[in-house]
Amino acid sequence: MANGREEALDMFCTALEMKRKKQDLYDKSMKGCGDEVGKETFRLLRDAEMEHGKQLQAVHDEMKKGSDWADACRYYPESHDELISSFRDLAARHAEEVDVEACRSDIGAIETGMELEDKCVRFFQDKLKTASGELERRFLENMVSEEREHYRTLADLKYYYTDPQGWMMEKSGARLDGAGGAA
């Protein structure tokens, strides 16, 4: 990093704490959610945060031992569109079952998650401004992309709960006659 290993370690500690907060939120939200789509989406987000936290911890531990970015950075996140695609498939399958009133309480958790994801995006974007090497830059760009995907997934879930019919028309790929995806 621009100011050395200590700054990198501080960044990892902050990032890990942010990941833990989001993981706890998604775990609590998953357990309290009465809707299958929300429950599964919160589970997917929680599991993604857990996996990314493990990867961040491994890089942190390597850097703490004295490794530099080239030796420590083995962080290769999965496709960033996988989570939102999983959510949309799940939501389309359960669209007839959504109980909008039962989901209203989950909107607060969704909005809190969106705020946390946005905070993470801004954190990694700020770190990107001072990135000194290509590996560091690539790592931070991946982190920004990952957090944005989580934000988009939550925004999509909020839209699904607040306007299920609008969500189905816009996001599910169904045509007005209900015959399937648009040609």
C-alpha atoms as a PDB file:
ATOM      1  CA  MET A   1       0.000   0.000   0.000  1.00  0.00           C
ATOM      2  CA  ALA A   2       1.037   3.591  -0.355  1.00  0.00           C
ATOM      3  CA  ASN A   3       2.108   3.878   3.301  1.00  0.00           C
ATOM      4  CA  GLY A   4       3.258   0.303   3.786  1.00  0.00           C
ATOM      5  CA  ARG A   5       2.296  -2.945   5.396  1.00  0.00           C
ATOM      6  CA  GLU A   6       0.756  -1.361   8.517  1.00  0.00           C
ATOM      7  CA  GLU A   7      -1.758   0.550   6.427  1.00  0.00           C
ATOM      8  CA  ALA A   8      -2.613  -2.654   4.545  1.00  0.00           C
ATOM      9  CA  LEU A   9      -3.114  -4.524   7.812  1.00  0.00           C
ATOM     10  CA  ASP A  10      -5.335  -1.725   9.127  1.00  0.00           C
ATOM     11  CA  MET A  11      -7.384  -1.870   5.928  1.00  0.00           C
ATOM     12  CA  PHE A  12      -7.842  -5.625   6.300  1.00  0.00           C
ATOM     13  CA  CYS A  13      -8.866  -5.280   9.944  1.00  0.00           C
ATOM     14  CA  THR A  14     -11.471  -2.668   9.027  1.00  0.00           C
ATOM     15  CA  ALA A  15     -12.717  -4.722   6.085  1.00  0.00           C
ATOM     16  CA  LEU A  16     -13.013  -7.843   8.253  1.00  0.00           C
ATOM     17  CA  GLU A  17     -15.004  -5.938  10.864  1.00  0.00           C
ATOM     18  CA  MET A  18     -17.348  -4.619   8.171  1.00  0.00           C
ATOM     19  CA  LYS A  19     -17.776  -8.161   6.819  1.00  0.00           C
ATOM     20  CA  ARG A  20     -18.605  -9.458  10.312  1.00  0.00           C
ATOM     21  CA  LYS A  21     -21.239  -6.766  10.835  1.00  0.00           C
ATOM     22  CA  LYS A  22     -22.901  -7.608   7.526  1.00  0.00           C
ATOM     23  CA  GLN A  23     -22.690 -11.334   8.227  1.00  0.00           C
ATOM     24  CA  ASP A  24     -24.400 -10.832  11.609  1.00  0.00           C
ATOM     25  CA  LEU A  25     -27.109  -8.646  10.048  1.00  0.00           C
ATOM     26  CA  TYR A  26     -27.836 -11.168   7.291  1.00  0.00           C
ATOM     27  CA  ASP A  27     -27.841 -14.081   9.728  1.00  0.00           C
ATOM     28  CA  LYS A  28     -30.291 -12.321  12.053  1.00  0.00           C
ATOM     29  CA  SER A  29     -32.434 -11.201   9.107  1.00  0.00           C
ATOM     30  CA  MET A  30     -32.489 -14.709   7.641  1.00  0.00           C
ATOM     31  CA  LYS A  31     -33.672 -16.197  10.936  1.00  0.00           C
ATOM     32  CA  GLY A  32     -36.399 -13.575  11.359  1.00  0.00           C
ATOM     33  CA  CYS A  33     -37.663 -13.537   7.784  1.00  0.00           C
ATOM     34  CA  GLY A  34     -41.070 -15.099   7.134  1.00  0.00           C
ATOM     35  CA  ASP A  35     -40.693 -15.198   3.366  1.00  0.00           C
ATOM     36  CA  GLU A  36     -38.761 -17.939   1.565  1.00  0.00           C
ATOM     37  CA  VAL A  37     -37.236 -15.558  -0.999  1.00  0.00           C
ATOM     38  CA  GLY A  38     -35.983 -13.173   1.669  1.00  0.00           C
ATOM     39  CA  LYS A  39     -34.751 -15.979   3.891  1.00  0.00           C
ATOM     40  CA  GLU A  40     -32.772 -17.566   1.052  1.00  0.00           C
ATOM     41  CA  THR A  41     -31.415 -14.212  -0.163  1.00  0.00           C
ATOM     42  CA  PHE A  42     -30.216 -13.312   3.337  1.00  0.00           C
ATOM     43  CA  ARG A  43     -28.629 -16.788   3.580  1.00  0.00           C
ATOM     44  CA  LEU A  44     -26.824 -16.288   0.255  1.00  0.00           C
ATOM     45  CA  LEU A  45     -25.548 -12.885   1.405  1.00  0.00           C
ATOM     46  CA  ARG A  46     -24.475 -14.233   4.805  1.00  0.00           C
ATOM     47  CA  ASP A  47     -22.623 -17.127   3.188  1.00  0.00           C
ATOM     48  CA  ALA A  48     -20.931 -14.766   0.705  1.00  0.00           C
ATOM     49  CA  GLU A  49     -19.769 -12.530   3.570  1.00  0.00           C
ATOM     50  CA  MET A  50     -18.475 -15.568   5.487  1.00  0.00           C
ATOM     51  CA  GLU A  51     -16.517 -16.839   2.487  1.00  0.00           C
ATOM     52  CA  HIS A  52     -15.110 -13.427   1.610  1.00  0.00           C
ATOM     53  CA  GLY A  53     -14.188 -12.900   5.269  1.00  0.00           C
ATOM     54  CA  LYS A  54     -12.189 -16.155   5.251  1.00  0.00           C
ATOM     55  CA  GLN A  55     -10.380 -15.059   2.112  1.00  0.00           C
ATOM     56  CA  LEU A  56      -9.635 -11.613   3.544  1.00  0.00           C
ATOM     57  CA  GLN A  57      -8.402 -13.178   6.786  1.00  0.00           C
ATOM     58  CA  ALA A  58      -6.019 -15.430   4.849  1.00  0.00           C
ATOM     59  CA  VAL A  59      -4.539 -12.459   2.966  1.00  0.00           C
ATOM     60  CA  HIS A  60      -4.326 -10.465   6.217  1.00  0.00           C
ATOM     61  CA  ASP A  61      -2.513 -13.338   7.945  1.00  0.00           C
ATOM     62  CA  GLU A  62      -0.014 -13.673   5.076  1.00  0.00           C
ATOM     63  CA  MET A  63       0.732  -9.942   5.131  1.00  0.00           C
ATOM     64  CA  LYS A  64       1.095 -10.032   8.903  1.00  0.00           C
ATOM     65  CA  LYS A  65       3.803 -12.694   8.450  1.00  0.00           C
ATOM     66  CA  GLY A  66       5.700 -10.286   6.201  1.00  0.00           C
ATOM     67  CA  SER A  67       4.475 -11.258   2.736  1.00  0.00           C
ATOM     68  CA  ASP A  68       3.902  -8.535   0.191  1.00  0.00           C
ATOM     69  CA  TRP A  69       0.892  -8.218  -2.145  1.00  0.00           C
ATOM     70  CA  ALA A  70       2.341 -10.591  -4.727  1.00  0.00           C
ATOM     71  CA  ASP A  71       2.801 -13.367  -2.149  1.00  0.00           C
ATOM     72  CA  ALA A  72      -0.253 -12.687   0.010  1.00  0.00           C
ATOM     73  CA  CYS A  73      -2.968 -11.785  -2.447  1.00  0.00           C
ATOM     74  CA  ARG A  74      -4.661 -14.982  -3.508  1.00  0.00           C
ATOM     75  CA  TYR A  75      -8.128 -13.481  -3.347  1.00  0.00           C
ATOM     76  CA  TYR A  76     -10.150 -14.478  -6.385  1.00  0.00           C
ATOM     77  CA  PRO A  77     -13.859 -13.849  -5.871  1.00  0.00           C
ATOM     78  CA  GLU A  78     -16.498 -15.722  -7.817  1.00  0.00           C
ATOM     79  CA  SER A  79     -18.439 -14.095 -10.610  1.00  0.00           C
ATOM     80  CA  HIS A  80     -19.985 -10.898  -9.320  1.00  0.00           C
ATOM     81  CA  ASP A  81     -23.258 -11.513 -11.132  1.00  0.00           C
ATOM     82  CA  GLU A  82     -23.847 -14.912  -9.559  1.00  0.00           C
ATOM     83  CA  LEU A  83     -25.601 -13.658  -6.418  1.00  0.00           C
ATOM     84  CA  ILE A  84     -28.087 -11.380  -8.151  1.00  0.00           C
ATOM     85  CA  SER A  85     -28.803 -14.067 -10.728  1.00  0.00           C
ATOM     86  CA  SER A  86     -29.510 -16.578  -7.930  1.00  0.00           C
ATOM     87  CA  PHE A  87     -31.845 -14.103  -6.263  1.00  0.00           C
ATOM     88  CA  ARG A  88     -33.763 -13.399  -9.471  1.00  0.00           C
ATOM     89  CA  ASP A  89     -34.209 -17.091 -10.234  1.00  0.00           C
ATOM     90  CA  LEU A  90     -35.453 -17.721  -6.707  1.00  0.00           C
ATOM     91  CA  ALA A  91     -37.788 -14.729  -6.736  1.00  0.00           C
ATOM     92  CA  ALA A  92     -39.299 -15.676 -10.097  1.00  0.00           C
ATOM     93  CA  ARG A  93     -40.021 -19.209  -8.809  1.00  0.00           C
ATOM     94  CA  HIS A  94     -41.763 -17.895  -5.676  1.00  0.00           C
ATOM     95  CA  ALA A  95     -43.440 -14.788  -7.105  1.00  0.00           C
ATOM     96  CA  GLU A  96     -46.955 -16.106  -6.578  1.00  0.00           C
ATOM     97  CA  GLU A  97     -46.238 -16.766  -2.892  1.00  0.00           C
ATOM     98  CA  VAL A  98     -44.906 -13.375  -1.816  1.00  0.00           C
ATOM     99  CA  ASP A  99     -46.832 -11.910   1.136  1.00  0.00           C
ATOM    100  CA  VAL A 100     -46.043  -8.212   0.870  1.00  0.00           C
ATOM    101  CA  GLU A 101     -47.386  -7.384   4.319  1.00  0.00           C
ATOM    102  CA  ALA A 102     -45.338 -10.113   6.003  1.00  0.00           C
ATOM    103  CA  CYS A 103     -42.218  -8.778   4.274  1.00  0.00           C
ATOM    104  CA  ARG A 104     -42.607  -5.152   5.358  1.00  0.00           C
ATOM    105  CA  SER A 105     -40.580  -5.785   8.533  1.00  0.00           C
ATOM    106  CA  ASP A 106     -37.699  -7.135   6.423  1.00  0.00           C
ATOM    107  CA  ILE A 107     -37.387  -3.850   4.516  1.00  0.00           C
ATOM    108  CA  GLY A 108     -35.624  -2.213   7.488  1.00  0.00           C
ATOM    109  CA  ALA A 109     -33.022  -4.981   7.485  1.00  0.00           C
ATOM    110  CA  ILE A 110     -32.663  -4.661   3.717  1.00  0.00           C
ATOM    111  CA  GLU A 111     -32.106  -0.903   3.979  1.00  0.00           C
ATOM    112  CA  THR A 112     -29.556  -1.389   6.776  1.00  0.00           C
ATOM    113  CA  GLY A 113     -27.764  -3.939   4.602  1.00  0.00           C
ATOM    114  CA  MET A 114     -27.790  -1.505   1.681  1.00  0.00           C
ATOM    115  CA  GLU A 115     -26.232   1.179   3.904  1.00  0.00           C
ATOM    116  CA  LEU A 116     -23.512  -1.226   5.073  1.00  0.00           C
ATOM    117  CA  GLU A 117     -22.776  -2.381   1.520  1.00  0.00           C
ATOM    118  CA  ASP A 118     -22.577   1.231   0.332  1.00  0.00           C
ATOM    119  CA  LYS A 119     -20.227   2.065   3.203  1.00  0.00           C
ATOM    120  CA  CYS A 120     -17.985  -0.826   2.102  1.00  0.00           C
ATOM    121  CA  VAL A 121     -18.032   0.363  -1.516  1.00  0.00           C
ATOM    122  CA  ARG A 122     -16.930   3.837  -0.433  1.00  0.00           C
ATOM    123  CA  PHE A 123     -14.265   2.399   1.904  1.00  0.00           C
ATOM    124  CA  PHE A 124     -12.645   0.327  -0.857  1.00  0.00           C
ATOM    125  CA  GLN A 125     -12.979   3.156  -3.394  1.00  0.00           C
ATOM    126  CA  ASP A 126     -11.094   5.442  -1.003  1.00  0.00           C
ATOM    127  CA  LYS A 127      -8.358   2.825  -0.607  1.00  0.00           C
ATOM    128  CA  LEU A 128      -8.210   2.426  -4.380  1.00  0.00           C
ATOM    129  CA  LYS A 129      -7.175   6.089  -4.711  1.00  0.00           C
ATOM    130  CA  THR A 130      -3.913   5.364  -2.890  1.00  0.00           C
ATOM    131  CA  ALA A 131      -3.229   1.885  -4.283  1.00  0.00           C
ATOM    132  CA  SER A 132       0.398   1.577  -5.291  1.00  0.00           C
ATOM    133  CA  GLY A 133       0.619  -1.622  -7.320  1.00  0.00           C
ATOM    134  CA  GLU A 134      -1.352  -3.571  -9.888  1.00  0.00           C
ATOM    135  CA  LEU A 135      -2.192  -6.473  -7.537  1.00  0.00           C
ATOM    136  CA  GLU A 136      -3.412  -4.104  -4.862  1.00  0.00           C
ATOM    137  CA  ARG A 137      -5.462  -2.151  -7.398  1.00  0.00           C
ATOM    138  CA  ARG A 138      -7.004  -5.339  -8.817  1.00  0.00           C
ATOM    139  CA  PHE A 139      -7.790  -6.604  -5.325  1.00  0.00           C
ATOM    140  CA  LEU A 140      -9.543  -3.364  -4.369  1.00  0.00           C
ATOM    141  CA  GLU A 141     -11.459  -3.218  -7.666  1.00  0.00           C
ATOM    142  CA  ASN A 142     -12.702  -6.759  -6.986  1.00  0.00           C
ATOM    143  CA  MET A 143     -13.799  -5.724  -3.508  1.00  0.00           C
ATOM    144  CA  VAL A 144     -15.715  -2.720  -4.872  1.00  0.00           C
ATOM    145  CA  SER A 145     -17.390  -4.923  -7.469  1.00  0.00           C
ATOM    146  CA  GLU A 146     -18.326  -7.529  -4.866  1.00  0.00           C
ATOM    147  CA  GLU A 147     -19.880  -4.965  -2.530  1.00  0.00           C
ATOM    148  CA  ARG A 148     -21.801  -3.384  -5.394  1.00  0.00           C
ATOM    149  CA  GLU A 149     -23.258  -6.790  -6.296  1.00  0.00           C
ATOM    150  CA  HIS A 150     -24.461  -7.231  -2.719  1.00  0.00           C
ATOM    151  CA  TYR A 151     -26.002  -3.753  -2.805  1.00  0.00           C
ATOM    152  CA  ARG A 152     -27.781  -4.496  -6.118  1.00  0.00           C
ATOM    153  CA  THR A 153     -29.103  -7.778  -4.734  1.00  0.00           C
ATOM    154  CA  LEU A 154     -30.547  -6.009  -1.701  1.00  0.00           C
ATOM    155  CA  ALA A 155     -32.024  -3.233  -3.850  1.00  0.00           C
ATOM    156  CA  ASP A 156     -33.627  -5.886  -6.039  1.00  0.00           C
ATOM    157  CA  LEU A 157     -35.047  -7.658  -2.959  1.00  0.00           C
ATOM    158  CA  LYS A 158     -36.468  -4.368  -1.678  1.00  0.00           C
ATOM    159  CA  TYR A 159     -38.111  -3.726  -5.044  1.00  0.00           C
ATOM    160  CA  TYR A 160     -39.478  -7.294  -5.030  1.00  0.00           C
ATOM    161  CA  TYR A 161     -41.106  -6.692  -1.627  1.00  0.00           C
ATOM    162  CA  THR A 162     -42.420  -3.183  -2.264  1.00  0.00           C
ATOM    163  CA  ASP A 163     -43.784  -3.831  -5.766  1.00  0.00           C
ATOM    164  CA  PRO A 164     -43.909  -7.547  -6.600  1.00  0.00           C
ATOM    165  CA  GLN A 165     -45.938  -7.018  -9.773  1.00  0.00           C
ATOM    166  CA  GLY A 166     -43.592  -4.315 -11.029  1.00  0.00           C
ATOM    167  CA  TRP A 167     -40.608  -6.498 -10.176  1.00  0.00           C
ATOM    168  CA  MET A 168     -42.093  -9.421 -12.125  1.00  0.00           C
ATOM    169  CA  MET A 169     -42.734  -7.229 -15.169  1.00  0.00           C
ATOM    170  CA  GLU A 170     -39.301  -5.620 -15.129  1.00  0.00           C
ATOM    171  CA  LYS A 171     -36.884  -8.200 -13.727  1.00  0.00           C
ATOM    172  CA  SER A 172     -38.259 -11.719 -14.098  1.00  0.00           C
ATOM    173  CA  GLY A 173     -38.200 -11.956 -17.886  1.00  0.00           C
ATOM    174  CA  ALA A 174     -41.872 -12.890 -18.054  1.00  0.00           C
ATOM    175  CA  ARG A 175     -44.003 -11.445 -20.837  1.00  0.00           C
ATOM    176  CA  LEU A 176     -47.417  -9.933 -20.284  1.00  0.00           C
ATOM    177  CA  ASP A 177     -49.114 -13.100 -21.540  1.00  0.00           C
ATOM    178  CA  GLY A 178     -47.115 -15.097 -18.989  1.00  0.00           C
ATOM    179  CA  ALA A 179     -45.668 -17.368 -21.653  1.00  0.00           C
ATOM    180  CA  GLY A 180     -42.043 -16.868 -20.590  1.00  0.00           C
ATOM    181  CA  GLY A 181     -39.090 -14.675 -21.374  1.00  0.00           C
ATOM    182  CA  ALA A 182     -39.280 -11.925 -23.950  1.00  0.00           C
ATOM    183  CA  ALA A 183     -38.040 -12.907 -27.399  1.00  0.00           C
END
